[in-house]
């Protein structure tokens, strides 16, 4: 597992290159966009940011366990504060 700065994660916010942070872990969700039950727009809205609050609002913790093996690419470097994702009432 690799450590990423929040600045590095923030650069990955397009449909062809989409990363998010959840609970200090970095996930590459690019290939998951089409499969996301809430639709890809929700993930793209929080791309490159810390989506922990939105994730917790709509998901059980077991979801991370289920999908982490294919999506987890590393952790956020200690002391690196990630920009927060915009508040949303839609599912993440």
PDB file of N, CA and C in Angstrom:
ATOM      1  N   UNK A   1       0.844  -1.177   0.000  1.00  0.00           N
ATOM      2  CA  UNK A   1       0.000   0.000   0.000  1.00  0.00           C
ATOM      3  C   UNK A   1       0.889   1.239   0.000  1.00  0.00           C
ATOM      4  N   UNK A   2       0.531   2.185  -0.802  1.00  0.00           N
ATOM      5  CA  UNK A   2       1.310   3.401  -0.973  1.00  0.00           C
ATOM      6  C   UNK A   2       0.665   4.562  -0.231  1.00  0.00           C
ATOM      7  N   UNK A   3       1.447   5.538   0.149  1.00  0.00           N
ATOM      8  CA  UNK A   3       0.929   6.755   0.773  1.00  0.00           C
ATOM      9  C   UNK A   3       0.815   7.848  -0.288  1.00  0.00           C
ATOM     10  N   UNK A   4      -0.313   8.569  -0.256  1.00  0.00           N
ATOM     11  CA  UNK A   4      -0.574   9.648  -1.200  1.00  0.00           C
ATOM     12  C   UNK A   4      -0.834  10.938  -0.449  1.00  0.00           C
ATOM     13  N   UNK A   5      -0.375  12.037  -1.004  1.00  0.00           N
ATOM     14  CA  UNK A   5      -0.724  13.341  -0.434  1.00  0.00           C
ATOM     15  C   UNK A   5      -2.131  13.685  -0.913  1.00  0.00           C
ATOM     16  N   UNK A   6      -2.797  14.557  -0.173  1.00  0.00           N
ATOM     17  CA  UNK A   6      -4.134  14.968  -0.598  1.00  0.00           C
ATOM     18  C   UNK A   6      -4.062  15.746  -1.914  1.00  0.00           C
ATOM     19  N   UNK A   7      -2.950  16.432  -2.123  1.00  0.00           N
ATOM     20  CA  UNK A   7      -2.777  17.163  -3.382  1.00  0.00           C
ATOM     21  C   UNK A   7      -2.731  16.193  -4.555  1.00  0.00           C
ATOM     22  N   UNK A   8      -2.080  15.053  -4.352  1.00  0.00           N
ATOM     23  CA  UNK A   8      -2.004  14.048  -5.413  1.00  0.00           C
ATOM     24  C   UNK A   8      -3.386  13.454  -5.685  1.00  0.00           C
ATOM     25  N   UNK A   9      -4.120  13.150  -4.632  1.00  0.00           N
ATOM     26  CA  UNK A   9      -5.473  12.600  -4.800  1.00  0.00           C
ATOM     27  C   UNK A   9      -6.359  13.606  -5.531  1.00  0.00           C
ATOM     28  N   UNK A  10      -6.230  14.872  -5.191  1.00  0.00           N
ATOM     29  CA  UNK A  10      -7.059  15.927  -5.779  1.00  0.00           C
ATOM     30  C   UNK A  10      -6.890  16.042  -7.297  1.00  0.00           C
ATOM     31  N   UNK A  11      -5.811  15.533  -7.826  1.00  0.00           N
ATOM     32  CA  UNK A  11      -5.565  15.592  -9.278  1.00  0.00           C
ATOM     33  C   UNK A  11      -6.364  14.536 -10.040  1.00  0.00           C
ATOM     34  N   UNK A  12      -6.958  13.602  -9.337  1.00  0.00           N
ATOM     35  CA  UNK A  12      -7.663  12.481  -9.966  1.00  0.00           C
ATOM     36  C   UNK A  12      -9.167  12.665  -9.799  1.00  0.00           C
ATOM     37  N   UNK A  13      -9.729  13.526 -10.634  1.00  0.00           N
ATOM     38  CA  UNK A  13     -11.137  13.872 -10.481  1.00  0.00           C
ATOM     39  C   UNK A  13     -11.903  13.907 -11.800  1.00  0.00           C
ATOM     40  N   UNK A  14     -11.534  13.021 -12.708  1.00  0.00           N
ATOM     41  CA  UNK A  14     -12.248  12.954 -13.978  1.00  0.00           C
ATOM     42  C   UNK A  14     -12.856  11.563 -14.168  1.00  0.00           C
ATOM     43  N   UNK A  15     -13.694  11.453 -15.149  1.00  0.00           N
ATOM     44  CA  UNK A  15     -14.345  10.168 -15.443  1.00  0.00           C
ATOM     45  C   UNK A  15     -13.326   9.100 -15.845  1.00  0.00           C
ATOM     46  N   UNK A  16     -12.211   9.517 -16.393  1.00  0.00           N
ATOM     47  CA  UNK A  16     -11.172   8.573 -16.816  1.00  0.00           C
ATOM     48  C   UNK A  16     -10.115   8.329 -15.750  1.00  0.00           C
ATOM     49  N   UNK A  17     -10.212   9.030 -14.627  1.00  0.00           N
ATOM     50  CA  UNK A  17      -9.201   8.938 -13.569  1.00  0.00           C
ATOM     51  C   UNK A  17      -9.809   9.490 -12.280  1.00  0.00           C
ATOM     52  N   UNK A  18     -10.498   8.631 -11.537  1.00  0.00           N
ATOM     53  CA  UNK A  18     -11.309   9.077 -10.407  1.00  0.00           C
ATOM     54  C   UNK A  18     -10.894   8.389  -9.110  1.00  0.00           C
ATOM     55  N   UNK A  19     -10.365   9.189  -8.181  1.00  0.00           N
ATOM     56  CA  UNK A  19      -9.966   8.693  -6.864  1.00  0.00           C
ATOM     57  C   UNK A  19     -10.780   9.406  -5.806  1.00  0.00           C
ATOM     58  N   UNK A  20     -11.049   8.701  -4.703  1.00  0.00           N
ATOM     59  CA  UNK A  20     -11.684   9.316  -3.544  1.00  0.00           C
ATOM     60  C   UNK A  20     -10.983   8.843  -2.272  1.00  0.00           C
ATOM     61  N   UNK A  21     -11.181   9.601  -1.214  1.00  0.00           N
ATOM     62  CA  UNK A  21     -10.651   9.235   0.097  1.00  0.00           C
ATOM     63  C   UNK A  21     -11.843   8.886   0.989  1.00  0.00           C
ATOM     64  N   UNK A  22     -11.756   7.747   1.657  1.00  0.00           N
ATOM     65  CA  UNK A  22     -12.750   7.355   2.650  1.00  0.00           C
ATOM     66  C   UNK A  22     -11.993   6.823   3.855  1.00  0.00           C
ATOM     67  N   UNK A  23     -12.199   7.469   4.998  1.00  0.00           N
ATOM     68  CA  UNK A  23     -11.571   7.051   6.254  1.00  0.00           C
ATOM     69  C   UNK A  23     -10.047   6.933   6.142  1.00  0.00           C
ATOM     70  N   UNK A  24      -9.439   7.901   5.465  1.00  0.00           N
ATOM     71  CA  UNK A  24      -7.986   7.933   5.350  1.00  0.00           C
ATOM     72  C   UNK A  24      -7.398   6.983   4.329  1.00  0.00           C
ATOM     73  N   UNK A  25      -8.255   6.271   3.630  1.00  0.00           N
ATOM     74  CA  UNK A  25      -7.786   5.348   2.594  1.00  0.00           C
ATOM     75  C   UNK A  25      -8.115   5.919   1.224  1.00  0.00           C
ATOM     76  N   UNK A  26      -7.249   5.627   0.252  1.00  0.00           N
ATOM     77  CA  UNK A  26      -7.422   6.144  -1.101  1.00  0.00           C
ATOM     78  C   UNK A  26      -7.935   5.017  -1.999  1.00  0.00           C
ATOM     79  N   UNK A  27      -9.031   5.311  -2.687  1.00  0.00           N
ATOM     80  CA  UNK A  27      -9.648   4.338  -3.579  1.00  0.00           C
ATOM     81  C   UNK A  27      -9.667   4.873  -5.004  1.00  0.00           C
ATOM     82  N   UNK A  28      -9.256   4.038  -5.959  1.00  0.00           N
ATOM     83  CA  UNK A  28      -9.371   4.368  -7.376  1.00  0.00           C
ATOM     84  C   UNK A  28     -10.696   3.765  -7.822  1.00  0.00           C
ATOM     85  N   UNK A  29     -11.696   4.611  -8.007  1.00  0.00           N
ATOM     86  CA  UNK A  29     -13.034   4.139  -8.358  1.00  0.00           C
ATOM     87  C   UNK A  29     -13.336   4.307  -9.848  1.00  0.00           C
ATOM     88  N   UNK A  30     -12.325   4.570 -10.644  1.00  0.00           N
ATOM     89  CA  UNK A  30     -12.510   4.798 -12.077  1.00  0.00           C
ATOM     90  C   UNK A  30     -13.283   3.660 -12.732  1.00  0.00           C
ATOM     91  N   UNK A  31     -12.852   2.436 -12.533  1.00  0.00           N
ATOM     92  CA  UNK A  31     -13.502   1.287 -13.170  1.00  0.00           C
ATOM     93  C   UNK A  31     -14.825   0.924 -12.499  1.00  0.00           C
ATOM     94  N   UNK A  32     -15.091   1.483 -11.311  1.00  0.00           N
ATOM     95  CA  UNK A  32     -16.314   1.202 -10.565  1.00  0.00           C
ATOM     96  C   UNK A  32     -17.438   2.189 -10.897  1.00  0.00           C
ATOM     97  N   UNK A  33     -17.118   3.274 -11.585  1.00  0.00           N
ATOM     98  CA  UNK A  33     -18.115   4.310 -11.858  1.00  0.00           C
ATOM     99  C   UNK A  33     -19.394   3.754 -12.475  1.00  0.00           C
ATOM    100  N   UNK A  34     -19.265   2.919 -13.486  1.00  0.00           N
ATOM    101  CA  UNK A  34     -20.434   2.377 -14.176  1.00  0.00           C
ATOM    102  C   UNK A  34     -21.217   1.395 -13.309  1.00  0.00           C
ATOM    103  N   UNK A  35     -20.564   0.794 -12.327  1.00  0.00           N
ATOM    104  CA  UNK A  35     -21.209  -0.200 -11.465  1.00  0.00           C
ATOM    105  C   UNK A  35     -21.848   0.410 -10.218  1.00  0.00           C
ATOM    106  N   UNK A  36     -21.476   1.617  -9.855  1.00  0.00           N
ATOM    107  CA  UNK A  36     -21.957   2.222  -8.612  1.00  0.00           C
ATOM    108  C   UNK A  36     -23.485   2.330  -8.631  1.00  0.00           C
ATOM    109  N   UNK A  37     -24.154   1.713  -7.651  1.00  0.00           N
ATOM    110  CA  UNK A  37     -25.620   1.733  -7.628  1.00  0.00           C
ATOM    111  C   UNK A  37     -26.232   3.129  -7.619  1.00  0.00           C
ATOM    112  N   UNK A  38     -25.538   4.092  -7.052  1.00  0.00           N
ATOM    113  CA  UNK A  38     -26.043   5.468  -7.024  1.00  0.00           C
ATOM    114  C   UNK A  38     -25.717   6.260  -8.274  1.00  0.00           C
ATOM    115  N   UNK A  39     -25.028   5.636  -9.210  1.00  0.00           N
ATOM    116  CA  UNK A  39     -24.643   6.304 -10.449  1.00  0.00           C
ATOM    117  C   UNK A  39     -23.272   6.945 -10.363  1.00  0.00           C
ATOM    118  N   UNK A  40     -22.671   7.142 -11.515  1.00  0.00           N
ATOM    119  CA  UNK A  40     -21.306   7.679 -11.550  1.00  0.00           C
ATOM    120  C   UNK A  40     -21.243   9.166 -11.201  1.00  0.00           C
ATOM    121  N   UNK A  41     -22.322   9.914 -11.422  1.00  0.00           N
ATOM    122  CA  UNK A  41     -22.302  11.357 -11.144  1.00  0.00           C
ATOM    123  C   UNK A  41     -21.991  11.635  -9.680  1.00  0.00           C
ATOM    124  N   UNK A  42     -22.497  10.798  -8.796  1.00  0.00           N
ATOM    125  CA  UNK A  42     -22.269  10.997  -7.366  1.00  0.00           C
ATOM    126  C   UNK A  42     -20.784  10.864  -7.048  1.00  0.00           C
ATOM    127  N   UNK A  43     -20.151   9.830  -7.597  1.00  0.00           N
ATOM    128  CA  UNK A  43     -18.721   9.631  -7.355  1.00  0.00           C
ATOM    129  C   UNK A  43     -17.900  10.744  -7.988  1.00  0.00           C
ATOM    130  N   UNK A  44     -18.288  11.182  -9.163  1.00  0.00           N
ATOM    131  CA  UNK A  44     -17.550  12.255  -9.829  1.00  0.00           C
ATOM    132  C   UNK A  44     -17.678  13.569  -9.055  1.00  0.00           C
ATOM    133  N   UNK A  45     -18.793  13.767  -8.372  1.00  0.00           N
ATOM    134  CA  UNK A  45     -19.001  14.983  -7.579  1.00  0.00           C
ATOM    135  C   UNK A  45     -18.009  15.059  -6.416  1.00  0.00           C
ATOM    136  N   UNK A  46     -17.612  13.901  -5.863  1.00  0.00           N
ATOM    137  CA  UNK A  46     -16.696  13.876  -4.721  1.00  0.00           C
ATOM    138  C   UNK A  46     -15.280  13.461  -5.123  1.00  0.00           C
ATOM    139  N   UNK A  47     -15.043  13.313  -6.409  1.00  0.00           N
ATOM    140  CA  UNK A  47     -13.731  12.878  -6.910  1.00  0.00           C
ATOM    141  C   UNK A  47     -12.625  13.808  -6.434  1.00  0.00           C
ATOM    142  N   UNK A  48     -11.527  13.198  -6.003  1.00  0.00           N
ATOM    143  CA  UNK A  48     -10.362  13.969  -5.570  1.00  0.00           C
ATOM    144  C   UNK A  48     -10.472  14.540  -4.172  1.00  0.00           C
ATOM    145  N   UNK A  49     -11.526  14.191  -3.441  1.00  0.00           N
ATOM    146  CA  UNK A  49     -11.743  14.757  -2.109  1.00  0.00           C
ATOM    147  C   UNK A  49     -11.931  13.652  -1.070  1.00  0.00           C
ATOM    148  N   UNK A  50     -12.079  14.089   0.171  1.00  0.00           N
ATOM    149  CA  UNK A  50     -12.391  13.178   1.262  1.00  0.00           C
ATOM    150  C   UNK A  50     -13.902  13.041   1.321  1.00  0.00           C
ATOM    151  N   UNK A  51     -14.403  11.890   0.920  1.00  0.00           N
ATOM    152  CA  UNK A  51     -15.843  11.626   0.864  1.00  0.00           C
ATOM    153  C   UNK A  51     -16.307  10.785   2.051  1.00  0.00           C
ATOM    154  N   UNK A  52     -15.549  10.799   3.139  1.00  0.00           N
ATOM    155  CA  UNK A  52     -15.872   9.961   4.302  1.00  0.00           C
ATOM    156  C   UNK A  52     -17.258  10.239   4.860  1.00  0.00           C
ATOM    157  N   UNK A  53     -17.614  11.503   5.027  1.00  0.00           N
ATOM    158  CA  UNK A  53     -18.912  11.852   5.610  1.00  0.00           C
ATOM    159  C   UNK A  53     -20.056  11.384   4.714  1.00  0.00           C
ATOM    160  N   UNK A  54     -19.940  11.618   3.422  1.00  0.00           N
ATOM    161  CA  UNK A  54     -20.979  11.190   2.495  1.00  0.00           C
ATOM    162  C   UNK A  54     -21.074   9.668   2.452  1.00  0.00           C
ATOM    163  N   UNK A  55     -19.923   9.010   2.459  1.00  0.00           N
ATOM    164  CA  UNK A  55     -19.906   7.553   2.434  1.00  0.00           C
ATOM    165  C   UNK A  55     -20.627   6.998   3.659  1.00  0.00           C
ATOM    166  N   UNK A  56     -20.298   7.519   4.829  1.00  0.00           N
ATOM    167  CA  UNK A  56     -20.893   7.033   6.075  1.00  0.00           C
ATOM    168  C   UNK A  56     -22.400   7.261   6.111  1.00  0.00           C
ATOM    169  N   UNK A  57     -22.841   8.307   5.461  1.00  0.00           N
ATOM    170  CA  UNK A  57     -24.265   8.639   5.454  1.00  0.00           C
ATOM    171  C   UNK A  57     -25.087   7.598   4.695  1.00  0.00           C
ATOM    172  N   UNK A  58     -24.511   6.975   3.678  1.00  0.00           N
ATOM    173  CA  UNK A  58     -25.286   6.096   2.798  1.00  0.00           C
ATOM    174  C   UNK A  58     -24.842   4.643   2.759  1.00  0.00           C
ATOM    175  N   UNK A  59     -23.737   4.309   3.430  1.00  0.00           N
ATOM    176  CA  UNK A  59     -23.204   2.951   3.345  1.00  0.00           C
ATOM    177  C   UNK A  59     -22.925   2.346   4.710  1.00  0.00           C
ATOM    178  N   UNK A  60     -23.012   1.042   4.773  1.00  0.00           N
ATOM    179  CA  UNK A  60     -22.572   0.311   5.959  1.00  0.00           C
ATOM    180  C   UNK A  60     -21.071   0.088   5.821  1.00  0.00           C
ATOM    181  N   UNK A  61     -20.345   0.002   6.935  1.00  0.00           N
ATOM    182  CA  UNK A  61     -18.887  -0.194   6.873  1.00  0.00           C
ATOM    183  C   UNK A  61     -18.469  -1.452   6.089  1.00  0.00           C
ATOM    184  N   UNK A  62     -19.329  -2.457   6.062  1.00  0.00           N
ATOM    185  CA  UNK A  62     -18.995  -3.700   5.352  1.00  0.00           C
ATOM    186  C   UNK A  62     -18.771  -3.485   3.851  1.00  0.00           C
ATOM    187  N   UNK A  63     -19.318  -2.425   3.310  1.00  0.00           N
ATOM    188  CA  UNK A  63     -19.138  -2.141   1.883  1.00  0.00           C
ATOM    189  C   UNK A  63     -17.662  -1.947   1.563  1.00  0.00           C
ATOM    190  N   UNK A  64     -16.940  -1.272   2.457  1.00  0.00           N
ATOM    191  CA  UNK A  64     -15.501  -1.085   2.239  1.00  0.00           C
ATOM    192  C   UNK A  64     -14.788  -2.425   2.222  1.00  0.00           C
ATOM    193  N   UNK A  65     -15.161  -3.309   3.127  1.00  0.00           N
ATOM    194  CA  UNK A  65     -14.541  -4.639   3.171  1.00  0.00           C
ATOM    195  C   UNK A  65     -14.790  -5.387   1.873  1.00  0.00           C
ATOM    196  N   UNK A  66     -16.000  -5.273   1.361  1.00  0.00           N
ATOM    197  CA  UNK A  66     -16.377  -5.986   0.137  1.00  0.00           C
ATOM    198  C   UNK A  66     -15.612  -5.472  -1.094  1.00  0.00           C
ATOM    199  N   UNK A  67     -15.510  -4.163  -1.222  1.00  0.00           N
ATOM    200  CA  UNK A  67     -14.933  -3.577  -2.437  1.00  0.00           C
ATOM    201  C   UNK A  67     -13.464  -3.174  -2.335  1.00  0.00           C
ATOM    202  N   UNK A  68     -12.923  -3.100  -1.136  1.00  0.00           N
ATOM    203  CA  UNK A  68     -11.530  -2.671  -0.966  1.00  0.00           C
ATOM    204  C   UNK A  68     -10.524  -3.461  -1.792  1.00  0.00           C
ATOM    205  N   UNK A  69     -10.627  -4.787  -1.865  1.00  0.00           N
ATOM    206  CA  UNK A  69      -9.592  -5.514  -2.608  1.00  0.00           C
ATOM    207  C   UNK A  69      -9.395  -5.036  -4.047  1.00  0.00           C
ATOM    208  N   UNK A  70     -10.450  -4.607  -4.709  1.00  0.00           N
ATOM    209  CA  UNK A  70     -10.322  -4.164  -6.087  1.00  0.00           C
ATOM    210  C   UNK A  70     -10.124  -2.678  -6.272  1.00  0.00           C
ATOM    211  N   UNK A  71     -10.380  -1.895  -5.229  1.00  0.00           N
ATOM    212  CA  UNK A  71     -10.365  -0.438  -5.377  1.00  0.00           C
ATOM    213  C   UNK A  71      -9.329   0.288  -4.526  1.00  0.00           C
ATOM    214  N   UNK A  72      -8.939  -0.298  -3.400  1.00  0.00           N
ATOM    215  CA  UNK A  72      -8.004   0.357  -2.482  1.00  0.00           C
ATOM    216  C   UNK A  72      -6.603   0.414  -3.093  1.00  0.00           C
ATOM    217  N   UNK A  73      -6.040   1.625  -3.157  1.00  0.00           N
ATOM    218  CA  UNK A  73      -4.695   1.768  -3.727  1.00  0.00           C
ATOM    219  C   UNK A  73      -3.689   2.331  -2.732  1.00  0.00           C
ATOM    220  N   UNK A  74      -4.155   2.786  -1.571  1.00  0.00           N
ATOM    221  CA  UNK A  74      -3.214   3.305  -0.585  1.00  0.00           C
ATOM    222  C   UNK A  74      -3.887   4.085   0.512  1.00  0.00           C
ATOM    223  N   UNK A  75      -3.072   4.886   1.201  1.00  0.00           N
ATOM    224  CA  UNK A  75      -3.537   5.696   2.323  1.00  0.00           C
ATOM    225  C   UNK A  75      -3.132   7.135   2.108  1.00  0.00           C
ATOM    226  N   UNK A  76      -3.805   8.015   2.833  1.00  0.00           N
ATOM    227  CA  UNK A  76      -3.432   9.432   2.817  1.00  0.00           C
ATOM    228  C   UNK A  76      -2.261   9.601   3.771  1.00  0.00           C
ATOM    229  N   UNK A  77      -1.258  10.355   3.352  1.00  0.00           N
ATOM    230  CA  UNK A  77      -0.103  10.633   4.208  1.00  0.00           C
ATOM    231  C   UNK A  77      -0.550  11.297   5.488  1.00  0.00           C
ATOM    232  N   UNK A  78       0.066  10.945   6.592  1.00  0.00           N
ATOM    233  CA  UNK A  78      -0.252  11.577   7.872  1.00  0.00           C
ATOM    234  C   UNK A  78       0.040  13.068   7.785  1.00  0.00           C
ATOM    235  N   UNK A  79      -0.834  13.848   8.366  1.00  0.00           N
ATOM    236  CA  UNK A  79      -0.657  15.291   8.363  1.00  0.00           C
ATOM    237  C   UNK A  79      -1.117  15.956   7.086  1.00  0.00           C
ATOM    238  N   UNK A  80      -1.661  15.191   6.170  1.00  0.00           N
ATOM    239  CA  UNK A  80      -2.127  15.717   4.904  1.00  0.00           C
ATOM    240  C   UNK A  80      -3.648  15.838   4.968  1.00  0.00           C
ATOM    241  N   UNK A  81      -4.152  17.043   5.125  1.00  0.00           N
ATOM    242  CA  UNK A  81      -5.594  17.255   5.261  1.00  0.00           C
ATOM    243  C   UNK A  81      -6.245  17.330   3.890  1.00  0.00           C
ATOM    244  N   UNK A  82      -7.173  16.435   3.664  1.00  0.00           N
ATOM    245  CA  UNK A  82      -7.847  16.379   2.371  1.00  0.00           C
ATOM    246  C   UNK A  82      -8.974  17.389   2.300  1.00  0.00           C
ATOM    247  N   UNK A  83      -9.189  17.955   1.109  1.00  0.00           N
ATOM    248  CA  UNK A  83     -10.354  18.811   0.960  1.00  0.00           C
ATOM    249  C   UNK A  83     -11.604  17.972   1.162  1.00  0.00           C
ATOM    250  N   UNK A  84     -12.587  18.535   1.822  1.00  0.00           N
ATOM    251  CA  UNK A  84     -13.830  17.815   2.069  1.00  0.00           C
ATOM    252  C   UNK A  84     -14.696  17.858   0.824  1.00  0.00           C
ATOM    253  N   UNK A  85     -15.397  16.764   0.585  1.00  0.00           N
ATOM    254  CA  UNK A  85     -16.305  16.702  -0.537  1.00  0.00           C
ATOM    255  C   UNK A  85     -17.486  17.638  -0.274  1.00  0.00           C
ATOM    256  N   UNK A  86     -18.102  18.156  -1.316  1.00  0.00           N
ATOM    257  CA  UNK A  86     -19.263  19.021  -1.112  1.00  0.00           C
ATOM    258  C   UNK A  86     -20.396  18.235  -0.471  1.00  0.00           C
ATOM    259  N   UNK A  87     -21.164  18.888   0.372  1.00  0.00           N
ATOM    260  CA  UNK A  87     -22.298  18.234   1.010  1.00  0.00           C
ATOM    261  C   UNK A  87     -23.294  17.820  -0.065  1.00  0.00           C
ATOM    262  N   UNK A  88     -23.882  16.673   0.145  1.00  0.00           N
ATOM    263  CA  UNK A  88     -24.830  16.167  -0.845  1.00  0.00           C
ATOM    264  C   UNK A  88     -25.933  15.408  -0.140  1.00  0.00           C
ATOM    265  N   UNK A  89     -27.080  15.422  -0.741  1.00  0.00           N
ATOM    266  CA  UNK A  89     -28.177  14.624  -0.207  1.00  0.00           C
ATOM    267  C   UNK A  89     -28.338  13.364  -1.045  1.00  0.00           C
ATOM    268  N   UNK A  90     -27.468  13.199  -2.025  1.00  0.00           N
ATOM    269  CA  UNK A  90     -27.509  12.027  -2.889  1.00  0.00           C
ATOM    270  C   UNK A  90     -26.571  10.968  -2.372  1.00  0.00           C
ATOM    271  N   UNK A  91     -26.808   9.753  -2.800  1.00  0.00           N
ATOM    272  CA  UNK A  91     -26.004   8.630  -2.350  1.00  0.00           C
ATOM    273  C   UNK A  91     -24.597   8.674  -2.929  1.00  0.00           C
ATOM    274  N   UNK A  92     -23.615   8.283  -2.120  1.00  0.00           N
ATOM    275  CA  UNK A  92     -22.223   8.171  -2.566  1.00  0.00           C
ATOM    276  C   UNK A  92     -21.903   6.716  -2.676  1.00  0.00           C
TER     277      UNK A  92
END
